Amino acid sequence: MTASKCSSLTGKPYGIERVCRVWGYPRSTFYLNRQPREINQFKHGKRGPKPKLSDEQILKLIREDLANSPFIGEGHRKVWARLKFGKGIRVGRNRVQRLMRENNLLSPRRARRDAN
């Protein structure tokens, strides 16, 4: 699909808009395909700075904290607080919750009861 061909009647080159309309092709796709692209042009992943500790390292610390705790089941907020304030490890509460949920370390919850 090129717009470099000339009309036989007028001798003028066809416009990109007309060529795209005839072919049923969006102009944005035409311009996208004109540019050379790298294979890994867009990196999909988490935004922001990379964490200092990997998920495996944090999970190891969570397991150690749960093993040292005198209680049977504790939630992610207490574990996060001990990691952050007790050991000085900068980690997000939601990250601790996600790791505990993925590894079945969250404390069991009671079933919801109907109010009669």
N, C-alpha and C. Protein backbone atom coordinates (compact mmCIF):
# COMPACT_ATOMS: atom_id res chain seq x y z
N MET A 1 0.85 -1.17 0.00
CA MET A 1 0.00 0.00 0.00
C MET A 1 0.90 1.23 0.00
N THR A 2 1.02 1.84 -1.14
CA THR A 2 1.83 3.04 -1.21
C THR A 2 1.05 4.15 -1.87
N ALA A 3 1.38 5.33 -1.47
CA ALA A 3 0.75 6.50 -2.06
C ALA A 3 1.67 7.13 -3.09
N SER A 4 2.72 6.43 -3.50
CA SER A 4 3.68 6.99 -4.45
C SER A 4 3.21 6.83 -5.90
N LYS A 5 2.19 6.03 -6.15
CA LYS A 5 1.65 5.87 -7.51
C LYS A 5 0.92 7.15 -7.92
N CYS A 6 1.00 7.44 -9.19
CA CYS A 6 0.35 8.65 -9.70
C CYS A 6 -0.92 8.29 -10.46
N SER A 7 -1.83 9.20 -10.43
CA SER A 7 -3.08 9.03 -11.17
C SER A 7 -2.79 9.16 -12.66
N SER A 8 -3.41 8.32 -13.45
CA SER A 8 -3.17 8.38 -14.90
C SER A 8 -3.84 9.61 -15.53
N LEU A 9 -4.90 10.11 -14.91
CA LEU A 9 -5.60 11.28 -15.47
C LEU A 9 -4.94 12.59 -15.09
N THR A 10 -4.65 12.75 -13.78
CA THR A 10 -4.13 14.05 -13.32
C THR A 10 -2.62 14.07 -13.21
N GLY A 11 -2.00 12.93 -13.07
CA GLY A 11 -0.55 12.88 -12.91
C GLY A 11 -0.10 13.20 -11.50
N LYS A 12 -1.05 13.35 -10.57
CA LYS A 12 -0.72 13.64 -9.18
C LYS A 12 -0.69 12.34 -8.38
N PRO A 13 0.15 12.31 -7.35
CA PRO A 13 0.20 11.09 -6.53
C PRO A 13 -1.07 10.97 -5.68
N TYR A 14 -1.46 9.75 -5.43
CA TYR A 14 -2.61 9.51 -4.57
C TYR A 14 -2.25 9.87 -3.13
N GLY A 15 -3.19 10.42 -2.42
CA GLY A 15 -2.96 10.75 -1.02
C GLY A 15 -3.11 9.53 -0.13
N ILE A 16 -2.48 9.59 1.00
CA ILE A 16 -2.52 8.47 1.95
C ILE A 16 -3.93 8.25 2.45
N GLU A 17 -4.65 9.34 2.67
CA GLU A 17 -6.02 9.21 3.17
C GLU A 17 -6.89 8.44 2.17
N ARG A 18 -6.77 8.78 0.89
CA ARG A 18 -7.58 8.12 -0.14
C ARG A 18 -7.20 6.65 -0.28
N VAL A 19 -5.91 6.36 -0.28
CA VAL A 19 -5.46 4.97 -0.42
C VAL A 19 -5.94 4.15 0.76
N CYS A 20 -5.85 4.68 1.95
CA CYS A 20 -6.30 3.96 3.14
C CYS A 20 -7.80 3.74 3.11
N ARG A 21 -8.54 4.73 2.62
CA ARG A 21 -9.99 4.59 2.54
C ARG A 21 -10.38 3.51 1.54
N VAL A 22 -9.70 3.46 0.39
CA VAL A 22 -10.00 2.45 -0.63
C VAL A 22 -9.70 1.05 -0.11
N TRP A 23 -8.58 0.91 0.58
CA TRP A 23 -8.19 -0.40 1.11
C TRP A 23 -8.94 -0.77 2.38
N GLY A 24 -9.63 0.20 2.98
CA GLY A 24 -10.32 -0.06 4.25
C GLY A 24 -9.35 -0.24 5.39
N TYR A 25 -8.33 0.58 5.39
CA TYR A 25 -7.22 0.46 6.33
C TYR A 25 -7.14 1.74 7.14
N PRO A 26 -7.06 1.71 8.46
CA PRO A 26 -6.94 2.96 9.24
C PRO A 26 -5.60 3.65 8.95
N ARG A 27 -5.63 4.96 8.89
CA ARG A 27 -4.39 5.70 8.65
C ARG A 27 -3.39 5.50 9.78
N SER A 28 -3.89 5.36 10.99
CA SER A 28 -2.98 5.17 12.13
C SER A 28 -2.17 3.89 11.95
N THR A 29 -2.79 2.84 11.42
CA THR A 29 -2.07 1.60 11.18
C THR A 29 -1.03 1.79 10.08
N PHE A 30 -1.37 2.56 9.06
CA PHE A 30 -0.41 2.85 7.99
C PHE A 30 0.83 3.53 8.56
N TYR A 31 0.63 4.57 9.38
CA TYR A 31 1.76 5.29 9.94
C TYR A 31 2.53 4.44 10.94
N LEU A 32 1.83 3.58 11.66
CA LEU A 32 2.51 2.69 12.60
C LEU A 32 3.42 1.72 11.86
N ASN A 33 2.96 1.19 10.74
CA ASN A 33 3.75 0.23 9.98
C ASN A 33 4.88 0.87 9.19
N ARG A 34 4.84 2.17 8.99
CA ARG A 34 5.93 2.86 8.29
C ARG A 34 7.17 2.96 9.15
N GLN A 35 6.99 3.03 10.47
CA GLN A 35 8.11 3.20 11.37
C GLN A 35 8.75 1.86 11.67
N PRO A 36 10.08 1.79 11.62
CA PRO A 36 10.72 0.52 12.02
C PRO A 36 10.58 0.34 13.52
N ARG A 37 10.16 -0.86 13.91
CA ARG A 37 9.93 -1.14 15.33
C ARG A 37 10.95 -2.13 15.84
N GLU A 38 11.32 -1.94 17.08
CA GLU A 38 12.15 -2.92 17.75
C GLU A 38 11.25 -4.03 18.27
N ILE A 39 11.83 -5.18 18.51
CA ILE A 39 11.03 -6.31 18.98
C ILE A 39 10.47 -6.02 20.37
N ASN A 40 11.28 -5.50 21.25
CA ASN A 40 10.83 -5.21 22.62
C ASN A 40 10.66 -3.71 22.80
N GLN A 41 9.83 -3.12 21.97
CA GLN A 41 9.64 -1.68 22.04
C GLN A 41 8.95 -1.26 23.33
N PHE A 42 7.92 -1.99 23.70
CA PHE A 42 7.18 -1.66 24.90
C PHE A 42 7.43 -2.74 25.94
N LYS A 43 7.86 -2.32 27.10
CA LYS A 43 8.05 -3.27 28.20
C LYS A 43 6.86 -3.15 29.13
N HIS A 44 6.13 -4.23 29.24
CA HIS A 44 4.99 -4.23 30.13
C HIS A 44 5.45 -4.76 31.48
N GLY A 45 5.02 -4.13 32.51
CA GLY A 45 5.39 -4.57 33.84
C GLY A 45 4.94 -3.55 34.86
N LYS A 46 5.50 -3.66 36.03
CA LYS A 46 5.12 -2.75 37.09
C LYS A 46 5.79 -1.40 36.88
N ARG A 47 5.07 -0.37 37.24
CA ARG A 47 5.62 0.97 37.14
C ARG A 47 6.41 1.29 38.40
N GLY A 48 7.18 2.34 38.34
CA GLY A 48 7.88 2.81 39.51
C GLY A 48 9.23 2.15 39.70
N PRO A 49 9.90 2.54 40.78
CA PRO A 49 11.24 1.98 41.03
C PRO A 49 11.16 0.50 41.39
N LYS A 50 12.21 -0.21 41.06
CA LYS A 50 12.28 -1.63 41.37
C LYS A 50 12.54 -1.81 42.86
N PRO A 51 11.89 -2.78 43.49
CA PRO A 51 12.10 -2.99 44.93
C PRO A 51 13.49 -3.54 45.21
N LYS A 52 14.01 -3.22 46.40
CA LYS A 52 15.34 -3.69 46.77
C LYS A 52 15.34 -5.18 47.08
N LEU A 53 14.25 -5.67 47.66
CA LEU A 53 14.14 -7.08 48.00
C LEU A 53 13.16 -7.76 47.05
N SER A 54 13.53 -8.95 46.59
CA SER A 54 12.64 -9.69 45.69
C SER A 54 11.49 -10.30 46.49
N ASP A 55 10.51 -10.81 45.77
CA ASP A 55 9.36 -11.45 46.42
C ASP A 55 9.80 -12.67 47.21
N GLU A 56 10.78 -13.41 46.71
CA GLU A 56 11.26 -14.60 47.42
C GLU A 56 11.91 -14.22 48.75
N GLN A 57 12.67 -13.13 48.75
CA GLN A 57 13.32 -12.68 49.99
C GLN A 57 12.27 -12.21 51.00
N ILE A 58 11.29 -11.46 50.53
CA ILE A 58 10.23 -11.00 51.43
C ILE A 58 9.45 -12.19 51.97
N LEU A 59 9.16 -13.16 51.12
CA LEU A 59 8.42 -14.34 51.55
C LEU A 59 9.19 -15.11 52.62
N LYS A 60 10.50 -15.18 52.46
CA LYS A 60 11.33 -15.85 53.47
C LYS A 60 11.23 -15.11 54.81
N LEU A 61 11.27 -13.78 54.77
CA LEU A 61 11.14 -12.99 56.00
C LEU A 61 9.76 -13.15 56.62
N ILE A 62 8.73 -13.24 55.79
CA ILE A 62 7.37 -13.44 56.30
C ILE A 62 7.27 -14.78 57.01
N ARG A 63 7.81 -15.82 56.39
CA ARG A 63 7.76 -17.15 56.99
C ARG A 63 8.54 -17.19 58.32
N GLU A 64 9.68 -16.52 58.37
CA GLU A 64 10.45 -16.44 59.62
C GLU A 64 9.65 -15.72 60.69
N ASP A 65 9.00 -14.62 60.31
CA ASP A 65 8.21 -13.86 61.28
C ASP A 65 7.05 -14.68 61.81
N LEU A 66 6.38 -15.42 60.94
CA LEU A 66 5.27 -16.25 61.39
C LEU A 66 5.76 -17.40 62.27
N ALA A 67 6.95 -17.93 61.99
CA ALA A 67 7.49 -19.02 62.81
C ALA A 67 7.88 -18.52 64.20
N ASN A 68 8.36 -17.28 64.29
CA ASN A 68 8.77 -16.72 65.57
C ASN A 68 7.60 -16.17 66.39
N SER A 69 6.44 -16.06 65.79
CA SER A 69 5.28 -15.50 66.47
C SER A 69 4.68 -16.54 67.42
N PRO A 70 4.26 -16.12 68.62
CA PRO A 70 3.65 -17.08 69.55
C PRO A 70 2.22 -17.44 69.17
N PHE A 71 1.63 -16.73 68.23
CA PHE A 71 0.25 -16.97 67.85
C PHE A 71 0.19 -17.90 66.64
N ILE A 72 -0.95 -18.55 66.49
CA ILE A 72 -1.12 -19.52 65.39
C ILE A 72 -1.33 -18.81 64.05
N GLY A 73 -2.34 -17.98 63.95
CA GLY A 73 -2.64 -17.31 62.70
C GLY A 73 -2.64 -15.82 62.88
N GLU A 74 -1.92 -15.14 62.04
CA GLU A 74 -1.90 -13.68 62.10
C GLU A 74 -2.14 -13.13 60.71
N GLY A 75 -2.69 -11.95 60.67
CA GLY A 75 -3.00 -11.32 59.40
C GLY A 75 -1.82 -10.58 58.82
N HIS A 76 -2.04 -10.10 57.62
CA HIS A 76 -0.96 -9.42 56.91
C HIS A 76 -0.58 -8.10 57.55
N ARG A 77 -1.50 -7.44 58.24
CA ARG A 77 -1.18 -6.13 58.81
C ARG A 77 -0.18 -6.24 59.96
N LYS A 78 -0.35 -7.25 60.81
CA LYS A 78 0.60 -7.42 61.92
C LYS A 78 1.97 -7.84 61.39
N VAL A 79 1.97 -8.73 60.42
CA VAL A 79 3.24 -9.17 59.84
C VAL A 79 3.94 -7.99 59.17
N TRP A 80 3.18 -7.19 58.43
CA TRP A 80 3.75 -6.02 57.76
C TRP A 80 4.32 -5.04 58.79
N ALA A 81 3.58 -4.81 59.88
CA ALA A 81 4.03 -3.86 60.90
C ALA A 81 5.33 -4.34 61.54
N ARG A 82 5.44 -5.64 61.82
CA ARG A 82 6.68 -6.15 62.42
C ARG A 82 7.85 -6.06 61.43
N LEU A 83 7.58 -6.28 60.16
CA LEU A 83 8.65 -6.15 59.17
C LEU A 83 9.08 -4.70 59.03
N LYS A 84 8.12 -3.80 58.99
CA LYS A 84 8.43 -2.39 58.76
C LYS A 84 9.03 -1.72 59.99
N PHE A 85 8.35 -1.86 61.12
CA PHE A 85 8.79 -1.13 62.30
C PHE A 85 9.75 -1.92 63.17
N GLY A 86 9.62 -3.23 63.18
CA GLY A 86 10.50 -4.06 64.00
C GLY A 86 11.85 -4.30 63.35
N LYS A 87 11.83 -4.64 62.07
CA LYS A 87 13.08 -4.96 61.37
C LYS A 87 13.55 -3.86 60.45
N GLY A 88 12.74 -2.84 60.25
CA GLY A 88 13.14 -1.71 59.41
C GLY A 88 13.17 -2.02 57.92
N ILE A 89 12.36 -2.98 57.49
CA ILE A 89 12.32 -3.36 56.08
C ILE A 89 11.22 -2.56 55.40
N ARG A 90 11.58 -1.86 54.34
CA ARG A 90 10.60 -1.07 53.61
C ARG A 90 9.86 -1.96 52.63
N VAL A 91 8.64 -2.26 52.98
CA VAL A 91 7.81 -3.11 52.13
C VAL A 91 6.37 -2.64 52.27
N GLY A 92 5.62 -2.72 51.20
CA GLY A 92 4.23 -2.28 51.20
C GLY A 92 3.30 -3.32 51.83
N ARG A 93 2.26 -2.83 52.47
CA ARG A 93 1.30 -3.72 53.12
C ARG A 93 0.58 -4.59 52.09
N ASN A 94 0.23 -4.02 50.96
CA ASN A 94 -0.46 -4.80 49.93
C ASN A 94 0.44 -5.88 49.34
N ARG A 95 1.73 -5.60 49.28
CA ARG A 95 2.67 -6.62 48.78
C ARG A 95 2.75 -7.78 49.76
N VAL A 96 2.79 -7.47 51.06
CA VAL A 96 2.81 -8.53 52.07
C VAL A 96 1.52 -9.33 51.99
N GLN A 97 0.40 -8.66 51.83
CA GLN A 97 -0.88 -9.36 51.73
C GLN A 97 -0.91 -10.26 50.49
N ARG A 98 -0.43 -9.77 49.37
CA ARG A 98 -0.43 -10.57 48.14
C ARG A 98 0.44 -11.81 48.29
N LEU A 99 1.63 -11.65 48.86
CA LEU A 99 2.52 -12.79 49.04
C LEU A 99 1.94 -13.81 50.01
N MET A 100 1.32 -13.32 51.08
CA MET A 100 0.72 -14.25 52.04
C MET A 100 -0.48 -14.96 51.43
N ARG A 101 -1.26 -14.26 50.63
CA ARG A 101 -2.43 -14.88 49.99
C ARG A 101 -1.99 -15.92 48.96
N GLU A 102 -0.99 -15.61 48.15
CA GLU A 102 -0.53 -16.54 47.12
C GLU A 102 0.07 -17.80 47.71
N ASN A 103 0.59 -17.71 48.93
CA ASN A 103 1.24 -18.86 49.56
C ASN A 103 0.43 -19.44 50.71
N ASN A 104 -0.84 -19.08 50.79
CA ASN A 104 -1.77 -19.60 51.81
C ASN A 104 -1.25 -19.39 53.23
N LEU A 105 -0.76 -18.20 53.51
CA LEU A 105 -0.24 -17.88 54.84
C LEU A 105 -1.16 -16.97 55.63
N LEU A 106 -2.24 -16.52 55.04
CA LEU A 106 -3.17 -15.64 55.75
C LEU A 106 -3.91 -16.42 56.82
N SER A 107 -4.28 -15.72 57.88
CA SER A 107 -5.02 -16.38 58.95
C SER A 107 -6.42 -16.73 58.45
N PRO A 108 -6.98 -17.83 58.95
CA PRO A 108 -8.33 -18.20 58.50
C PRO A 108 -9.36 -17.19 58.99
N ARG A 109 -10.36 -16.97 58.18
CA ARG A 109 -11.42 -16.02 58.54
C ARG A 109 -12.68 -16.78 58.90
N ARG A 110 -13.46 -16.19 59.77
CA ARG A 110 -14.73 -16.79 60.13
C ARG A 110 -15.74 -16.57 59.01
N ALA A 111 -16.64 -17.53 58.88
CA ALA A 111 -17.69 -17.39 57.88
C ALA A 111 -18.68 -16.33 58.32
N ARG A 112 -19.27 -15.66 57.39
CA ARG A 112 -20.22 -14.61 57.69
C ARG A 112 -21.54 -15.23 58.13
N ARG A 113 -22.11 -14.69 59.20
CA ARG A 113 -23.38 -15.21 59.71
C ARG A 113 -24.50 -14.29 59.30
N ASP A 114 -25.66 -14.89 59.05
CA ASP A 114 -26.85 -14.11 58.73
C ASP A 114 -27.44 -13.53 60.00
N ALA A 115 -27.86 -12.29 59.93
CA ALA A 115 -28.53 -11.65 61.06
C ALA A 115 -29.99 -12.05 61.03
N ASN A 116 -30.42 -12.81 62.03
CA ASN A 116 -31.81 -13.29 62.06
C ASN A 116 -32.72 -12.27 62.67
